[in-house]
Amino acid sequence: MKVAIAASGGSLDSQASPVFGRCSHLIVLDLVDGDFKDFKIIPNPTTTEGGAGIKTARMVGDEGAEAIISGSVGPNAFEVLKQLDIKTYQMVPGTVEENLTLLSQGKLQNLDPSARGRRTGMGARKGGRG
């Protein structure tokens, strides 16, 4: 399965990112029988842009990912991922490698966007952008 994980840096030792659209890096790889193959590290160019989640979701789709791991995904990005038939998994605090291992063991939960505890994105600050 081809997986993209939102990361705070460009290695397996980096922390998994609690945010999707504004994560600093995406790490895309094939997860085959618990082994990680064909790594691709992508610096996220959308970290300061409006619509970052949607753009990041499209980028993940362009990479051919079948699943993503992140702490949260905004509703618009989630809708794009759903349209692309990309599964979403809830990260746990820890490294990219730890989260990928948990996914390979079937121990990560599906990400439920309706359970988000706080708003994310540009409009989340001080009641919106204006």
N, C-alpha and C. Protein backbone atom coordinates (compact mmCIF):
# COMPACT_ATOMS: atom_id res chain seq x y z
N MET A 1 0.85 -1.17 0.00
CA MET A 1 0.00 0.00 0.00
C MET A 1 0.89 1.23 0.00
N LYS A 2 0.57 2.19 -0.84
CA LYS A 2 1.32 3.44 -0.88
C LYS A 2 0.72 4.38 0.16
N VAL A 3 1.58 4.87 1.06
CA VAL A 3 1.16 5.68 2.20
C VAL A 3 1.89 7.01 2.19
N ALA A 4 1.17 8.08 2.52
CA ALA A 4 1.78 9.39 2.75
C ALA A 4 1.55 9.75 4.21
N ILE A 5 2.60 10.20 4.87
CA ILE A 5 2.46 10.61 6.27
C ILE A 5 2.90 12.06 6.42
N ALA A 6 2.08 12.83 7.11
CA ALA A 6 2.42 14.22 7.41
C ALA A 6 3.52 14.20 8.47
N ALA A 7 4.60 14.92 8.20
CA ALA A 7 5.77 14.86 9.08
C ALA A 7 6.29 16.26 9.39
N SER A 8 7.00 16.36 10.52
CA SER A 8 7.60 17.63 10.92
C SER A 8 9.01 17.79 10.36
N GLY A 9 9.50 16.80 9.65
CA GLY A 9 10.82 16.84 9.05
C GLY A 9 10.93 15.80 7.96
N GLY A 10 12.11 15.67 7.39
CA GLY A 10 12.28 14.83 6.22
C GLY A 10 12.92 13.48 6.45
N SER A 11 12.62 12.83 7.59
CA SER A 11 13.19 11.51 7.82
C SER A 11 12.21 10.65 8.62
N LEU A 12 12.50 9.36 8.68
CA LEU A 12 11.67 8.45 9.46
C LEU A 12 11.75 8.76 10.95
N ASP A 13 12.83 9.41 11.38
CA ASP A 13 13.00 9.78 12.79
C ASP A 13 12.26 11.07 13.15
N SER A 14 11.74 11.78 12.14
CA SER A 14 10.98 13.00 12.40
C SER A 14 9.69 12.67 13.12
N GLN A 15 9.16 13.63 13.83
CA GLN A 15 7.87 13.46 14.49
C GLN A 15 6.76 13.49 13.44
N ALA A 16 5.77 12.64 13.63
CA ALA A 16 4.58 12.71 12.80
C ALA A 16 3.90 14.04 13.09
N SER A 17 3.30 14.63 12.07
CA SER A 17 2.71 15.96 12.22
C SER A 17 1.26 15.89 12.67
N PRO A 18 0.89 16.75 13.61
CA PRO A 18 -0.51 16.79 14.04
C PRO A 18 -1.40 17.51 13.03
N VAL A 19 -0.81 18.16 12.03
CA VAL A 19 -1.58 18.86 10.99
C VAL A 19 -1.24 18.28 9.62
N PHE A 20 -2.18 18.39 8.71
CA PHE A 20 -2.00 17.84 7.37
C PHE A 20 -1.57 18.91 6.37
N GLY A 21 -2.43 19.86 6.10
CA GLY A 21 -2.17 20.84 5.04
C GLY A 21 -0.95 21.69 5.25
N ARG A 22 -0.60 21.95 6.49
CA ARG A 22 0.54 22.80 6.79
C ARG A 22 1.72 22.04 7.40
N CYS A 23 1.73 20.73 7.23
CA CYS A 23 2.89 19.95 7.71
C CYS A 23 4.12 20.39 6.92
N SER A 24 5.29 20.28 7.50
CA SER A 24 6.49 20.75 6.80
C SER A 24 6.92 19.80 5.69
N HIS A 25 6.65 18.50 5.86
CA HIS A 25 7.03 17.50 4.86
C HIS A 25 5.97 16.42 4.74
N LEU A 26 5.94 15.81 3.59
CA LEU A 26 5.19 14.57 3.39
C LEU A 26 6.21 13.49 3.08
N ILE A 27 6.06 12.36 3.70
CA ILE A 27 6.91 11.22 3.37
C ILE A 27 6.00 10.17 2.74
N VAL A 28 6.30 9.84 1.50
CA VAL A 28 5.49 8.89 0.74
C VAL A 28 6.33 7.64 0.53
N LEU A 29 5.72 6.49 0.79
CA LEU A 29 6.45 5.23 0.62
C LEU A 29 5.48 4.09 0.40
N ASP A 30 6.03 2.97 -0.03
CA ASP A 30 5.25 1.75 -0.16
C ASP A 30 5.44 0.94 1.11
N LEU A 31 4.33 0.51 1.68
CA LEU A 31 4.34 -0.33 2.86
C LEU A 31 3.99 -1.74 2.40
N VAL A 32 5.00 -2.63 2.40
CA VAL A 32 4.84 -3.98 1.88
C VAL A 32 5.22 -4.98 2.97
N ASP A 33 4.25 -5.72 3.47
CA ASP A 33 4.48 -6.73 4.50
C ASP A 33 5.28 -6.17 5.68
N GLY A 34 4.96 -4.95 6.10
CA GLY A 34 5.63 -4.34 7.24
C GLY A 34 6.95 -3.67 6.91
N ASP A 35 7.41 -3.77 5.66
CA ASP A 35 8.66 -3.13 5.24
C ASP A 35 8.35 -1.82 4.53
N PHE A 36 9.23 -0.83 4.69
CA PHE A 36 9.09 0.47 4.06
C PHE A 36 9.98 0.50 2.82
N LYS A 37 9.38 0.77 1.66
CA LYS A 37 10.14 0.77 0.40
C LYS A 37 9.84 2.02 -0.40
N ASP A 38 10.77 2.36 -1.28
CA ASP A 38 10.59 3.46 -2.24
C ASP A 38 10.18 4.77 -1.57
N PHE A 39 11.04 5.26 -0.67
CA PHE A 39 10.79 6.52 0.03
C PHE A 39 10.83 7.70 -0.92
N LYS A 40 9.95 8.64 -0.67
CA LYS A 40 10.02 9.93 -1.34
C LYS A 40 9.72 10.98 -0.28
N ILE A 41 10.63 11.91 -0.10
CA ILE A 41 10.46 12.98 0.88
C ILE A 41 10.12 14.25 0.11
N ILE A 42 8.97 14.83 0.46
CA ILE A 42 8.48 16.00 -0.27
C ILE A 42 8.32 17.17 0.70
N PRO A 43 9.17 18.22 0.57
CA PRO A 43 8.91 19.42 1.36
C PRO A 43 7.56 20.00 0.91
N ASN A 44 6.73 20.37 1.86
CA ASN A 44 5.38 20.84 1.54
C ASN A 44 5.44 22.32 1.16
N PRO A 45 5.14 22.66 -0.10
CA PRO A 45 5.21 24.05 -0.52
C PRO A 45 3.99 24.88 -0.10
N THR A 46 2.99 24.26 0.52
CA THR A 46 1.74 24.97 0.81
C THR A 46 1.62 25.42 2.26
N THR A 47 2.69 25.40 3.04
CA THR A 47 2.58 25.65 4.48
C THR A 47 2.07 27.04 4.83
N THR A 48 2.24 28.02 3.96
CA THR A 48 1.81 29.38 4.28
C THR A 48 0.70 29.88 3.37
N GLU A 49 0.13 29.02 2.56
CA GLU A 49 -0.88 29.43 1.59
C GLU A 49 -2.29 29.16 2.09
N GLY A 50 -3.24 29.93 1.59
CA GLY A 50 -4.64 29.60 1.80
C GLY A 50 -4.97 28.35 1.01
N GLY A 51 -5.90 27.57 1.50
CA GLY A 51 -6.27 26.33 0.83
C GLY A 51 -5.20 25.26 0.90
N ALA A 52 -4.35 25.34 1.92
CA ALA A 52 -3.22 24.41 2.03
C ALA A 52 -3.67 22.96 2.09
N GLY A 53 -4.74 22.70 2.82
CA GLY A 53 -5.21 21.32 2.96
C GLY A 53 -5.65 20.71 1.65
N ILE A 54 -6.40 21.49 0.87
CA ILE A 54 -6.87 21.00 -0.43
C ILE A 54 -5.68 20.75 -1.35
N LYS A 55 -4.74 21.69 -1.39
CA LYS A 55 -3.56 21.53 -2.24
C LYS A 55 -2.71 20.33 -1.82
N THR A 56 -2.56 20.15 -0.51
CA THR A 56 -1.78 19.01 -0.02
C THR A 56 -2.49 17.70 -0.35
N ALA A 57 -3.82 17.68 -0.23
CA ALA A 57 -4.59 16.47 -0.57
C ALA A 57 -4.41 16.12 -2.05
N ARG A 58 -4.44 17.12 -2.90
CA ARG A 58 -4.23 16.87 -4.34
C ARG A 58 -2.82 16.37 -4.61
N MET A 59 -1.85 16.94 -3.89
CA MET A 59 -0.46 16.51 -4.05
C MET A 59 -0.31 15.03 -3.66
N VAL A 60 -0.96 14.63 -2.56
CA VAL A 60 -0.93 13.24 -2.12
C VAL A 60 -1.57 12.35 -3.18
N GLY A 61 -2.67 12.81 -3.75
CA GLY A 61 -3.32 12.05 -4.83
C GLY A 61 -2.42 11.91 -6.04
N ASP A 62 -1.72 12.98 -6.40
CA ASP A 62 -0.79 12.93 -7.54
C ASP A 62 0.34 11.94 -7.30
N GLU A 63 0.69 11.72 -6.04
CA GLU A 63 1.75 10.75 -5.70
C GLU A 63 1.24 9.31 -5.72
N GLY A 64 -0.07 9.14 -5.87
CA GLY A 64 -0.65 7.79 -5.93
C GLY A 64 -0.88 7.15 -4.58
N ALA A 65 -0.90 7.97 -3.51
CA ALA A 65 -1.11 7.41 -2.17
C ALA A 65 -2.49 6.80 -2.05
N GLU A 66 -2.55 5.69 -1.32
CA GLU A 66 -3.81 5.01 -1.03
C GLU A 66 -4.28 5.32 0.39
N ALA A 67 -3.38 5.88 1.21
CA ALA A 67 -3.71 6.20 2.59
C ALA A 67 -2.82 7.34 3.07
N ILE A 68 -3.33 8.10 4.04
CA ILE A 68 -2.51 9.12 4.70
C ILE A 68 -2.60 8.91 6.21
N ILE A 69 -1.55 9.38 6.89
CA ILE A 69 -1.52 9.40 8.35
C ILE A 69 -1.28 10.85 8.76
N SER A 70 -2.15 11.37 9.62
CA SER A 70 -2.00 12.74 10.11
C SER A 70 -2.77 12.88 11.41
N GLY A 71 -2.52 13.97 12.12
CA GLY A 71 -3.25 14.22 13.35
C GLY A 71 -4.61 14.82 13.10
N SER A 72 -4.72 15.67 12.10
CA SER A 72 -6.01 16.25 11.75
C SER A 72 -6.01 16.58 10.27
N VAL A 73 -7.20 16.56 9.70
CA VAL A 73 -7.39 16.94 8.30
C VAL A 73 -8.63 17.81 8.27
N GLY A 74 -8.52 18.99 7.67
CA GLY A 74 -9.67 19.88 7.59
C GLY A 74 -10.77 19.30 6.71
N PRO A 75 -11.99 19.83 6.83
CA PRO A 75 -13.12 19.26 6.11
C PRO A 75 -12.99 19.32 4.59
N ASN A 76 -12.41 20.39 4.06
CA ASN A 76 -12.26 20.49 2.60
C ASN A 76 -11.21 19.50 2.09
N ALA A 77 -10.10 19.40 2.79
CA ALA A 77 -9.07 18.43 2.41
C ALA A 77 -9.60 17.01 2.56
N PHE A 78 -10.38 16.77 3.63
CA PHE A 78 -10.95 15.44 3.83
C PHE A 78 -11.87 15.07 2.67
N GLU A 79 -12.63 16.03 2.18
CA GLU A 79 -13.54 15.77 1.06
C GLU A 79 -12.75 15.41 -0.20
N VAL A 80 -11.64 16.11 -0.45
CA VAL A 80 -10.79 15.79 -1.61
C VAL A 80 -10.22 14.38 -1.46
N LEU A 81 -9.72 14.05 -0.28
CA LEU A 81 -9.17 12.70 -0.04
C LEU A 81 -10.24 11.64 -0.24
N LYS A 82 -11.44 11.92 0.22
CA LYS A 82 -12.56 10.99 0.06
C LYS A 82 -12.87 10.78 -1.42
N GLN A 83 -12.90 11.87 -2.19
CA GLN A 83 -13.16 11.77 -3.63
C GLN A 83 -12.07 10.97 -4.34
N LEU A 84 -10.85 11.06 -3.85
CA LEU A 84 -9.73 10.32 -4.43
C LEU A 84 -9.62 8.90 -3.88
N ASP A 85 -10.53 8.53 -2.99
CA ASP A 85 -10.57 7.20 -2.37
C ASP A 85 -9.28 6.91 -1.59
N ILE A 86 -8.80 7.93 -0.88
CA ILE A 86 -7.60 7.80 -0.04
C ILE A 86 -8.06 7.66 1.41
N LYS A 87 -7.64 6.58 2.05
CA LYS A 87 -8.01 6.33 3.44
C LYS A 87 -7.23 7.28 4.35
N THR A 88 -7.84 7.64 5.47
CA THR A 88 -7.20 8.55 6.43
C THR A 88 -7.07 7.86 7.78
N TYR A 89 -5.87 7.95 8.35
CA TYR A 89 -5.59 7.33 9.64
C TYR A 89 -5.09 8.38 10.64
N GLN A 90 -5.50 8.21 11.88
CA GLN A 90 -5.12 9.10 12.98
C GLN A 90 -3.72 8.77 13.47
N MET A 91 -2.81 9.74 13.39
CA MET A 91 -1.47 9.52 13.93
C MET A 91 -1.52 9.50 15.44
N VAL A 92 -0.51 8.90 16.03
CA VAL A 92 -0.31 8.97 17.48
C VAL A 92 0.99 9.74 17.71
N PRO A 93 1.12 10.43 18.84
CA PRO A 93 2.38 11.13 19.09
C PRO A 93 3.56 10.17 18.99
N GLY A 94 4.53 10.56 18.20
CA GLY A 94 5.71 9.72 18.00
C GLY A 94 6.31 9.99 16.64
N THR A 95 7.23 9.16 16.25
CA THR A 95 7.94 9.37 15.00
C THR A 95 7.15 8.84 13.81
N VAL A 96 7.60 9.25 12.64
CA VAL A 96 7.03 8.74 11.39
C VAL A 96 7.14 7.22 11.37
N GLU A 97 8.33 6.70 11.70
CA GLU A 97 8.55 5.26 11.67
C GLU A 97 7.61 4.52 12.63
N GLU A 98 7.44 5.06 13.83
CA GLU A 98 6.54 4.42 14.80
C GLU A 98 5.11 4.36 14.27
N ASN A 99 4.65 5.44 13.64
CA ASN A 99 3.29 5.46 13.10
C ASN A 99 3.14 4.51 11.93
N LEU A 100 4.15 4.42 11.08
CA LEU A 100 4.08 3.48 9.96
C LEU A 100 4.05 2.04 10.45
N THR A 101 4.83 1.76 11.49
CA THR A 101 4.83 0.41 12.07
C THR A 101 3.45 0.09 12.64
N LEU A 102 2.86 1.03 13.35
CA LEU A 102 1.51 0.82 13.89
C LEU A 102 0.49 0.60 12.78
N LEU A 103 0.62 1.35 11.68
CA LEU A 103 -0.29 1.14 10.55
C LEU A 103 -0.13 -0.26 9.99
N SER A 104 1.11 -0.71 9.83
CA SER A 104 1.35 -2.04 9.27
C SER A 104 0.81 -3.14 10.18
N GLN A 105 0.69 -2.84 11.47
CA GLN A 105 0.15 -3.80 12.44
C GLN A 105 -1.36 -3.66 12.62
N GLY A 106 -1.96 -2.73 11.87
CA GLY A 106 -3.41 -2.50 11.99
C GLY A 106 -3.82 -1.82 13.28
N LYS A 107 -2.91 -1.05 13.88
CA LYS A 107 -3.18 -0.45 15.18
C LYS A 107 -3.52 1.04 15.14
N LEU A 108 -3.59 1.64 13.96
CA LEU A 108 -4.02 3.04 13.88
C LEU A 108 -5.51 3.10 13.59
N GLN A 109 -6.16 4.07 14.21
CA GLN A 109 -7.60 4.27 14.01
C GLN A 109 -7.84 5.10 12.75
N ASN A 110 -9.02 4.90 12.15
CA ASN A 110 -9.43 5.77 11.06
C ASN A 110 -9.60 7.18 11.60
N LEU A 111 -9.23 8.16 10.80
CA LEU A 111 -9.35 9.56 11.20
C LEU A 111 -10.79 10.00 10.97
N ASP A 112 -11.40 10.55 12.00
CA ASP A 112 -12.77 11.03 11.93
C ASP A 112 -12.75 12.55 11.96
N PRO A 113 -12.98 13.21 10.82
CA PRO A 113 -12.88 14.67 10.80
C PRO A 113 -13.94 15.35 11.65
N SER A 114 -15.05 14.69 11.92
CA SER A 114 -16.09 15.31 12.74
C SER A 114 -15.71 15.35 14.21
N ALA A 115 -14.66 14.63 14.60
CA ALA A 115 -14.25 14.58 16.00
C ALA A 115 -13.16 15.59 16.33
N ARG A 116 -12.83 16.46 15.39
CA ARG A 116 -11.77 17.44 15.63
C ARG A 116 -12.13 18.35 16.79
N GLY A 117 -11.19 18.55 17.67
CA GLY A 117 -11.45 19.35 18.85
C GLY A 117 -11.35 20.84 18.62
N ARG A 118 -10.69 21.26 17.56
CA ARG A 118 -10.55 22.69 17.31
C ARG A 118 -10.48 22.91 15.82
N ARG A 119 -10.78 24.13 15.43
CA ARG A 119 -10.71 24.45 14.01
C ARG A 119 -9.26 24.59 13.59
N THR A 120 -8.99 24.26 12.33
CA THR A 120 -7.65 24.43 11.79
C THR A 120 -7.75 25.30 10.55
N GLY A 121 -6.63 25.67 10.00
CA GLY A 121 -6.62 26.46 8.77
C GLY A 121 -6.49 27.94 9.06
N MET A 122 -6.44 28.74 8.00
CA MET A 122 -6.24 30.17 8.11
C MET A 122 -7.38 30.86 8.85
N GLY A 123 -8.61 30.39 8.68
CA GLY A 123 -9.76 31.04 9.30
C GLY A 123 -9.93 30.72 10.77
N ALA A 124 -9.09 29.88 11.33
CA ALA A 124 -9.25 29.45 12.72
C ALA A 124 -8.80 30.51 13.72
N ARG A 125 -8.02 31.45 13.27
CA ARG A 125 -7.45 32.43 14.19
C ARG A 125 -8.38 33.64 14.32
N LYS A 126 -8.72 33.97 15.53
CA LYS A 126 -9.45 35.20 15.85
C LYS A 126 -10.68 35.40 14.98
N GLY A 127 -11.45 34.35 14.79
CA GLY A 127 -12.73 34.50 14.12
C GLY A 127 -12.67 34.63 12.62
N GLY A 128 -11.59 34.30 11.99
CA GLY A 128 -11.54 34.33 10.53
C GLY A 128 -10.52 35.31 10.01
N ARG A 129 -10.50 35.45 8.70
CA ARG A 129 -9.48 36.29 8.06
C ARG A 129 -9.98 37.70 7.80
N GLY A 130 -11.21 37.97 7.97
CA GLY A 130 -11.62 39.34 7.81
C GLY A 130 -12.76 39.51 6.94
